[in-house]
Amino acid sequence: MAKTLIVGYGNSLRGDDAAGRVAAERLQALVRHPDIEVRSLHQLTPELMPDIAAVDHLILIDAAATGRPGGYMRVPVRPAPPCASFTHYDTPETLLSGARSLYGRCPEAVLYLIPGQSFDLTDTLTAPVKLAVERLADHLAESLQV
């Protein structure tokens, strides 16, 4: 099996913004394969680049401020142009570009976006987003055949 890194990210204190993290935490319980690593992070940072360069597939999961809550969208991710800069908050595109520039390797990548309903100060997901997180995690676990 090809090596896969799954990264769910978001702010766990801003309601539905935590959807990516919660999905990753659910996947950690569902996925038990040595070639699949699942991480739940607050944000994307340049420190991920060596790990991204070392895998064949990268799956990212994040909340979205637009879209209909209760579902999710799959978006292919391509590296940003080489002139993009890196900060302490990076996009999926800049991380792919950095992995390719610094380590000579860039995996196939996809971003799953889960539209949020509320980004208020709370540590709880809204009901439609919680359902979307469960559906996405189950779908990914099944598609990874674990």
N, C-alpha and C. Protein backbone atom coordinates (compact mmCIF):
# COMPACT_ATOMS: atom_id res chain seq x y z
N MET A 1 0.84 -1.19 0.00
CA MET A 1 0.00 0.00 0.00
C MET A 1 0.88 1.24 0.00
N ALA A 2 0.43 2.25 -0.71
CA ALA A 2 1.15 3.52 -0.74
C ALA A 2 1.03 4.22 0.60
N LYS A 3 2.06 4.98 0.96
CA LYS A 3 2.03 5.73 2.22
C LYS A 3 1.08 6.92 2.09
N THR A 4 0.26 7.08 3.12
CA THR A 4 -0.74 8.14 3.14
C THR A 4 -0.66 8.91 4.44
N LEU A 5 -0.73 10.23 4.34
CA LEU A 5 -0.81 11.11 5.50
C LEU A 5 -2.15 11.83 5.44
N ILE A 6 -2.91 11.73 6.53
CA ILE A 6 -4.19 12.42 6.65
C ILE A 6 -4.04 13.48 7.74
N VAL A 7 -4.36 14.72 7.40
CA VAL A 7 -4.25 15.82 8.36
C VAL A 7 -5.58 16.56 8.43
N GLY A 8 -6.21 16.49 9.59
CA GLY A 8 -7.40 17.28 9.86
C GLY A 8 -6.99 18.46 10.71
N TYR A 9 -7.45 19.65 10.37
CA TYR A 9 -7.01 20.83 11.11
C TYR A 9 -8.13 21.83 11.30
N GLY A 10 -7.96 22.67 12.34
CA GLY A 10 -8.93 23.71 12.65
C GLY A 10 -8.86 24.09 14.12
N ASN A 11 -9.59 25.12 14.47
CA ASN A 11 -9.60 25.65 15.82
C ASN A 11 -10.69 24.96 16.64
N SER A 12 -10.28 24.18 17.61
CA SER A 12 -11.24 23.41 18.40
C SER A 12 -12.08 24.26 19.36
N LEU A 13 -11.81 25.55 19.42
CA LEU A 13 -12.59 26.44 20.29
C LEU A 13 -13.53 27.36 19.49
N ARG A 14 -13.65 27.12 18.18
CA ARG A 14 -14.50 27.96 17.33
C ARG A 14 -15.58 27.12 16.64
N GLY A 15 -16.29 26.32 17.41
CA GLY A 15 -17.42 25.58 16.88
C GLY A 15 -17.06 24.68 15.71
N ASP A 16 -17.73 24.91 14.59
CA ASP A 16 -17.56 24.04 13.43
C ASP A 16 -16.19 24.15 12.77
N ASP A 17 -15.39 25.13 13.16
CA ASP A 17 -14.03 25.21 12.62
C ASP A 17 -13.22 23.98 13.01
N ALA A 18 -13.65 23.27 14.03
CA ALA A 18 -12.94 22.06 14.49
C ALA A 18 -13.30 20.83 13.67
N ALA A 19 -14.12 20.95 12.65
CA ALA A 19 -14.58 19.79 11.88
C ALA A 19 -13.43 18.93 11.37
N GLY A 20 -12.38 19.55 10.85
CA GLY A 20 -11.25 18.78 10.33
C GLY A 20 -10.55 17.99 11.42
N ARG A 21 -10.37 18.61 12.56
CA ARG A 21 -9.73 17.93 13.69
C ARG A 21 -10.58 16.76 14.19
N VAL A 22 -11.87 16.99 14.31
CA VAL A 22 -12.76 15.94 14.81
C VAL A 22 -12.80 14.77 13.82
N ALA A 23 -12.81 15.08 12.53
CA ALA A 23 -12.79 14.01 11.52
C ALA A 23 -11.50 13.20 11.64
N ALA A 24 -10.37 13.88 11.84
CA ALA A 24 -9.09 13.18 11.99
C ALA A 24 -9.10 12.31 13.24
N GLU A 25 -9.65 12.81 14.32
CA GLU A 25 -9.69 12.03 15.55
C GLU A 25 -10.57 10.80 15.38
N ARG A 26 -11.66 10.94 14.65
CA ARG A 26 -12.51 9.76 14.36
C ARG A 26 -11.74 8.77 13.48
N LEU A 27 -11.01 9.28 12.51
CA LEU A 27 -10.23 8.39 11.64
C LEU A 27 -9.12 7.68 12.42
N GLN A 28 -8.54 8.34 13.42
CA GLN A 28 -7.51 7.68 14.23
C GLN A 28 -8.06 6.43 14.89
N ALA A 29 -9.33 6.46 15.24
CA ALA A 29 -9.96 5.29 15.86
C ALA A 29 -10.34 4.23 14.82
N LEU A 30 -10.58 4.64 13.58
CA LEU A 30 -11.03 3.71 12.54
C LEU A 30 -9.90 3.10 11.71
N VAL A 31 -8.82 3.85 11.55
CA VAL A 31 -7.74 3.44 10.64
C VAL A 31 -6.59 2.84 11.44
N ARG A 32 -6.29 1.60 11.16
CA ARG A 32 -5.18 0.91 11.83
C ARG A 32 -4.32 0.23 10.77
N HIS A 33 -3.54 1.01 10.07
CA HIS A 33 -2.66 0.47 9.02
C HIS A 33 -1.30 1.16 9.14
N PRO A 34 -0.21 0.40 9.07
CA PRO A 34 1.12 1.00 9.25
C PRO A 34 1.50 2.03 8.19
N ASP A 35 0.87 2.00 7.02
CA ASP A 35 1.20 2.95 5.95
C ASP A 35 0.29 4.17 5.93
N ILE A 36 -0.60 4.28 6.94
CA ILE A 36 -1.50 5.42 7.01
C ILE A 36 -1.31 6.11 8.36
N GLU A 37 -0.96 7.39 8.30
CA GLU A 37 -0.81 8.19 9.52
C GLU A 37 -1.88 9.26 9.52
N VAL A 38 -2.53 9.44 10.66
CA VAL A 38 -3.58 10.44 10.80
C VAL A 38 -3.19 11.41 11.91
N ARG A 39 -3.29 12.71 11.59
CA ARG A 39 -2.95 13.75 12.58
C ARG A 39 -4.10 14.74 12.71
N SER A 40 -4.29 15.22 13.92
CA SER A 40 -5.26 16.28 14.23
C SER A 40 -4.46 17.49 14.70
N LEU A 41 -4.52 18.58 13.92
CA LEU A 41 -3.69 19.76 14.21
C LEU A 41 -4.52 21.03 14.28
N HIS A 42 -3.96 22.02 14.97
CA HIS A 42 -4.61 23.33 15.05
C HIS A 42 -4.53 24.07 13.71
N GLN A 43 -3.37 23.99 13.05
CA GLN A 43 -3.18 24.67 11.77
C GLN A 43 -2.08 24.00 10.97
N LEU A 44 -2.00 24.37 9.70
CA LEU A 44 -0.93 23.87 8.83
C LEU A 44 0.30 24.75 9.02
N THR A 45 1.47 24.13 9.15
CA THR A 45 2.72 24.87 9.31
C THR A 45 3.80 24.26 8.43
N PRO A 46 4.87 25.02 8.16
CA PRO A 46 5.95 24.51 7.31
C PRO A 46 6.61 23.24 7.85
N GLU A 47 6.50 23.00 9.15
CA GLU A 47 7.11 21.81 9.74
C GLU A 47 6.53 20.52 9.18
N LEU A 48 5.40 20.59 8.50
CA LEU A 48 4.79 19.41 7.88
C LEU A 48 5.48 19.01 6.57
N MET A 49 6.25 19.91 5.97
CA MET A 49 6.81 19.65 4.64
C MET A 49 7.63 18.37 4.52
N PRO A 50 8.53 18.05 5.46
CA PRO A 50 9.29 16.80 5.30
C PRO A 50 8.38 15.57 5.32
N ASP A 51 7.36 15.60 6.16
CA ASP A 51 6.43 14.48 6.23
C ASP A 51 5.57 14.38 4.97
N ILE A 52 5.20 15.52 4.43
CA ILE A 52 4.42 15.54 3.18
C ILE A 52 5.26 14.98 2.04
N ALA A 53 6.52 15.35 1.99
CA ALA A 53 7.40 14.87 0.92
C ALA A 53 7.64 13.36 1.01
N ALA A 54 7.45 12.78 2.18
CA ALA A 54 7.75 11.36 2.39
C ALA A 54 6.58 10.43 2.06
N VAL A 55 5.41 10.98 1.72
CA VAL A 55 4.25 10.13 1.45
C VAL A 55 3.85 10.17 -0.02
N ASP A 56 3.01 9.20 -0.39
CA ASP A 56 2.51 9.14 -1.77
C ASP A 56 1.18 9.87 -1.92
N HIS A 57 0.41 9.90 -0.83
CA HIS A 57 -0.91 10.55 -0.85
C HIS A 57 -1.07 11.41 0.39
N LEU A 58 -1.63 12.59 0.18
CA LEU A 58 -1.93 13.51 1.28
C LEU A 58 -3.42 13.82 1.23
N ILE A 59 -4.08 13.60 2.36
CA ILE A 59 -5.50 13.93 2.49
C ILE A 59 -5.61 14.98 3.59
N LEU A 60 -6.17 16.13 3.24
CA LEU A 60 -6.37 17.22 4.19
C LEU A 60 -7.86 17.39 4.44
N ILE A 61 -8.21 17.74 5.69
CA ILE A 61 -9.61 17.94 6.04
C ILE A 61 -9.72 19.24 6.82
N ASP A 62 -10.62 20.12 6.36
CA ASP A 62 -10.77 21.42 6.99
C ASP A 62 -12.23 21.85 6.94
N ALA A 63 -12.59 22.80 7.77
CA ALA A 63 -13.91 23.41 7.73
C ALA A 63 -13.93 24.48 6.64
N ALA A 64 -15.11 24.78 6.16
CA ALA A 64 -15.28 25.84 5.16
C ALA A 64 -16.33 26.83 5.66
N ALA A 65 -16.10 28.09 5.38
CA ALA A 65 -17.05 29.14 5.79
C ALA A 65 -18.21 29.26 4.81
N THR A 66 -18.11 28.62 3.66
CA THR A 66 -19.18 28.67 2.67
C THR A 66 -19.64 27.26 2.35
N GLY A 67 -20.82 27.17 1.79
CA GLY A 67 -21.37 25.87 1.44
C GLY A 67 -22.50 25.50 2.39
N ARG A 68 -23.17 24.42 2.06
CA ARG A 68 -24.32 23.97 2.84
C ARG A 68 -23.86 23.03 3.95
N PRO A 69 -24.08 23.38 5.22
CA PRO A 69 -23.71 22.49 6.32
C PRO A 69 -24.42 21.14 6.21
N GLY A 70 -23.70 20.10 6.53
CA GLY A 70 -24.26 18.75 6.47
C GLY A 70 -23.62 17.90 5.40
N GLY A 71 -22.79 18.49 4.58
CA GLY A 71 -22.12 17.74 3.52
C GLY A 71 -20.64 18.03 3.54
N TYR A 72 -19.97 17.56 2.51
CA TYR A 72 -18.55 17.86 2.35
C TYR A 72 -18.20 17.89 0.87
N MET A 73 -17.10 18.55 0.56
CA MET A 73 -16.65 18.69 -0.83
C MET A 73 -15.23 18.16 -0.95
N ARG A 74 -14.93 17.53 -2.06
CA ARG A 74 -13.59 17.03 -2.35
C ARG A 74 -12.95 17.96 -3.37
N VAL A 75 -11.77 18.48 -3.04
CA VAL A 75 -11.09 19.45 -3.91
C VAL A 75 -9.65 18.97 -4.16
N PRO A 76 -9.28 18.71 -5.41
CA PRO A 76 -7.87 18.37 -5.67
C PRO A 76 -6.98 19.55 -5.31
N VAL A 77 -5.79 19.26 -4.83
CA VAL A 77 -4.85 20.32 -4.43
C VAL A 77 -3.59 20.19 -5.28
N ARG A 78 -3.16 21.30 -5.83
CA ARG A 78 -1.93 21.34 -6.62
C ARG A 78 -0.95 22.30 -5.96
N PRO A 79 0.34 22.09 -6.16
CA PRO A 79 1.33 23.00 -5.55
C PRO A 79 1.16 24.43 -6.03
N ALA A 80 1.44 25.36 -5.14
CA ALA A 80 1.43 26.79 -5.48
C ALA A 80 2.65 27.07 -6.36
N PRO A 81 2.65 28.19 -7.07
CA PRO A 81 3.84 28.56 -7.85
C PRO A 81 5.08 28.64 -6.94
N PRO A 82 6.26 28.34 -7.47
CA PRO A 82 7.47 28.32 -6.64
C PRO A 82 7.78 29.61 -5.89
N CYS A 83 7.26 30.73 -6.32
CA CYS A 83 7.58 32.00 -5.66
C CYS A 83 6.76 32.23 -4.39
N ALA A 84 5.83 31.34 -4.07
CA ALA A 84 5.01 31.52 -2.87
C ALA A 84 5.87 31.50 -1.62
N SER A 85 5.51 32.31 -0.65
CA SER A 85 6.28 32.37 0.60
C SER A 85 5.64 31.49 1.66
N PHE A 86 6.43 31.17 2.68
CA PHE A 86 5.95 30.34 3.76
C PHE A 86 5.87 31.17 5.03
N THR A 87 4.82 30.91 5.82
CA THR A 87 4.64 31.61 7.08
C THR A 87 4.32 30.57 8.14
N HIS A 88 3.86 31.02 9.29
CA HIS A 88 3.45 30.07 10.32
C HIS A 88 2.02 29.61 10.11
N TYR A 89 1.38 30.07 9.09
CA TYR A 89 0.10 29.51 8.66
C TYR A 89 0.18 29.39 7.15
N ASP A 90 0.14 28.18 6.68
CA ASP A 90 0.28 27.95 5.25
C ASP A 90 -0.97 27.29 4.68
N THR A 91 -1.09 27.38 3.38
CA THR A 91 -2.19 26.72 2.68
C THR A 91 -1.72 25.36 2.22
N PRO A 92 -2.64 24.48 1.87
CA PRO A 92 -2.23 23.19 1.31
C PRO A 92 -1.33 23.36 0.08
N GLU A 93 -1.64 24.35 -0.74
CA GLU A 93 -0.85 24.57 -1.96
C GLU A 93 0.59 24.98 -1.66
N THR A 94 0.78 25.85 -0.68
CA THR A 94 2.15 26.27 -0.37
C THR A 94 2.95 25.15 0.30
N LEU A 95 2.28 24.31 1.08
CA LEU A 95 2.99 23.17 1.69
C LEU A 95 3.44 22.17 0.62
N LEU A 96 2.59 21.92 -0.36
CA LEU A 96 2.99 21.03 -1.46
C LEU A 96 4.16 21.62 -2.24
N SER A 97 4.08 22.90 -2.52
CA SER A 97 5.16 23.58 -3.24
C SER A 97 6.46 23.51 -2.44
N GLY A 98 6.38 23.76 -1.14
CA GLY A 98 7.57 23.70 -0.30
C GLY A 98 8.16 22.31 -0.23
N ALA A 99 7.31 21.30 -0.13
CA ALA A 99 7.79 19.91 -0.11
C ALA A 99 8.54 19.59 -1.40
N ARG A 100 7.99 20.04 -2.52
CA ARG A 100 8.63 19.78 -3.81
C ARG A 100 9.94 20.56 -3.93
N SER A 101 9.94 21.83 -3.52
CA SER A 101 11.14 22.66 -3.63
C SER A 101 12.26 22.20 -2.70
N LEU A 102 11.90 21.89 -1.45
CA LEU A 102 12.92 21.56 -0.45
C LEU A 102 13.35 20.09 -0.47
N TYR A 103 12.42 19.20 -0.81
CA TYR A 103 12.70 17.77 -0.70
C TYR A 103 12.58 17.01 -2.02
N GLY A 104 12.25 17.73 -3.09
CA GLY A 104 12.21 17.13 -4.42
C GLY A 104 11.05 16.18 -4.65
N ARG A 105 10.05 16.25 -3.79
CA ARG A 105 8.94 15.31 -3.91
C ARG A 105 7.64 15.97 -3.46
N CYS A 106 6.57 15.68 -4.19
CA CYS A 106 5.26 16.25 -3.87
C CYS A 106 4.22 15.15 -4.09
N PRO A 107 3.45 14.78 -3.06
CA PRO A 107 2.48 13.70 -3.23
C PRO A 107 1.21 14.17 -3.94
N GLU A 108 0.42 13.20 -4.36
CA GLU A 108 -0.92 13.48 -4.83
C GLU A 108 -1.70 13.96 -3.61
N ALA A 109 -2.48 15.04 -3.76
CA ALA A 109 -3.15 15.61 -2.60
C ALA A 109 -4.60 15.97 -2.90
N VAL A 110 -5.42 15.84 -1.86
CA VAL A 110 -6.83 16.21 -1.95
C VAL A 110 -7.23 16.87 -0.64
N LEU A 111 -8.13 17.84 -0.74
CA LEU A 111 -8.64 18.56 0.42
C LEU A 111 -10.14 18.30 0.51
N TYR A 112 -10.58 17.86 1.68
CA TYR A 112 -12.00 17.72 1.95
C TYR A 112 -12.43 18.91 2.79
N LEU A 113 -13.42 19.63 2.30
CA LEU A 113 -13.95 20.80 3.00
C LEU A 113 -15.33 20.46 3.56
N ILE A 114 -15.52 20.77 4.83
CA ILE A 114 -16.80 20.52 5.50
C ILE A 114 -17.41 21.88 5.82
N PRO A 115 -18.47 22.29 5.10
CA PRO A 115 -19.07 23.59 5.37
C PRO A 115 -19.61 23.68 6.80
N GLY A 116 -19.27 24.78 7.47
CA GLY A 116 -19.70 24.99 8.84
C GLY A 116 -20.97 25.82 8.92
N GLN A 117 -21.64 25.71 10.05
CA GLN A 117 -22.85 26.48 10.30
C GLN A 117 -22.58 27.59 11.31
N SER A 118 -21.73 27.29 12.31
CA SER A 118 -21.45 28.27 13.36
C SER A 118 -19.97 28.20 13.74
N PHE A 119 -19.35 29.38 13.78
CA PHE A 119 -17.94 29.47 14.17
C PHE A 119 -17.81 30.28 15.47
N ASP A 120 -18.86 30.23 16.28
CA ASP A 120 -18.89 30.92 17.57
C ASP A 120 -17.91 30.27 18.54
N LEU A 121 -17.65 30.96 19.64
CA LEU A 121 -16.77 30.44 20.68
C LEU A 121 -17.46 29.29 21.42
N THR A 122 -17.14 28.08 21.02
CA THR A 122 -17.66 26.88 21.66
C THR A 122 -16.78 25.71 21.25
N ASP A 123 -16.81 24.65 22.03
CA ASP A 123 -16.02 23.47 21.68
C ASP A 123 -16.92 22.34 21.16
N THR A 124 -18.08 22.71 20.64
CA THR A 124 -19.05 21.73 20.16
C THR A 124 -19.38 21.99 18.69
N LEU A 125 -19.47 20.92 17.92
CA LEU A 125 -19.91 21.03 16.52
C LEU A 125 -21.43 21.11 16.47
N THR A 126 -21.95 21.81 15.45
CA THR A 126 -23.40 21.81 15.24
C THR A 126 -23.81 20.43 14.72
N ALA A 127 -25.08 20.10 14.86
CA ALA A 127 -25.58 18.78 14.48
C ALA A 127 -25.30 18.42 13.01
N PRO A 128 -25.56 19.33 12.04
CA PRO A 128 -25.31 18.94 10.65
C PRO A 128 -23.82 18.73 10.36
N VAL A 129 -22.96 19.49 11.00
CA VAL A 129 -21.52 19.34 10.78
C VAL A 129 -21.01 18.06 11.44
N LYS A 130 -21.51 17.75 12.60
CA LYS A 130 -21.14 16.50 13.26
C LYS A 130 -21.51 15.30 12.38
N LEU A 131 -22.68 15.34 11.77
CA LEU A 131 -23.10 14.27 10.87
C LEU A 131 -22.19 14.20 9.64
N ALA A 132 -21.84 15.35 9.08
CA ALA A 132 -20.94 15.39 7.91
C ALA A 132 -19.57 14.83 8.27
N VAL A 133 -19.07 15.15 9.45
CA VAL A 133 -17.77 14.64 9.91
C VAL A 133 -17.82 13.11 9.99
N GLU A 134 -18.88 12.58 10.57
CA GLU A 134 -19.02 11.13 10.70
C GLU A 134 -19.08 10.47 9.33
N ARG A 135 -19.87 11.05 8.42
CA ARG A 135 -19.99 10.49 7.06
C ARG A 135 -18.65 10.51 6.32
N LEU A 136 -17.95 11.63 6.42
CA LEU A 136 -16.66 11.74 5.74
C LEU A 136 -15.65 10.75 6.31
N ALA A 137 -15.54 10.68 7.63
CA ALA A 137 -14.60 9.75 8.24
C ALA A 137 -14.91 8.32 7.85
N ASP A 138 -16.19 7.95 7.86
CA ASP A 138 -16.58 6.59 7.46
C ASP A 138 -16.24 6.34 5.99
N HIS A 139 -16.51 7.32 5.14
CA HIS A 139 -16.20 7.21 3.71
C HIS A 139 -14.70 7.02 3.50
N LEU A 140 -13.90 7.84 4.16
CA LEU A 140 -12.44 7.71 3.99
C LEU A 140 -11.92 6.39 4.51
N ALA A 141 -12.40 5.96 5.67
CA ALA A 141 -11.96 4.68 6.22
C ALA A 141 -12.30 3.54 5.27
N GLU A 142 -13.49 3.60 4.69
CA GLU A 142 -13.90 2.56 3.74
C GLU A 142 -13.07 2.63 2.46
N SER A 143 -12.84 3.83 1.94
CA SER A 143 -12.10 3.96 0.68
C SER A 143 -10.62 3.58 0.86
N LEU A 144 -10.13 3.69 2.07
CA LEU A 144 -8.75 3.26 2.35
C LEU A 144 -8.69 1.77 2.66
N GLN A 145 -9.85 1.13 2.70
CA GLN A 145 -9.98 -0.31 2.92
C GLN A 145 -9.30 -0.76 4.20
N VAL A 146 -9.65 -0.10 5.29
CA VAL A 146 -9.11 -0.46 6.60
C VAL A 146 -10.21 -0.96 7.51
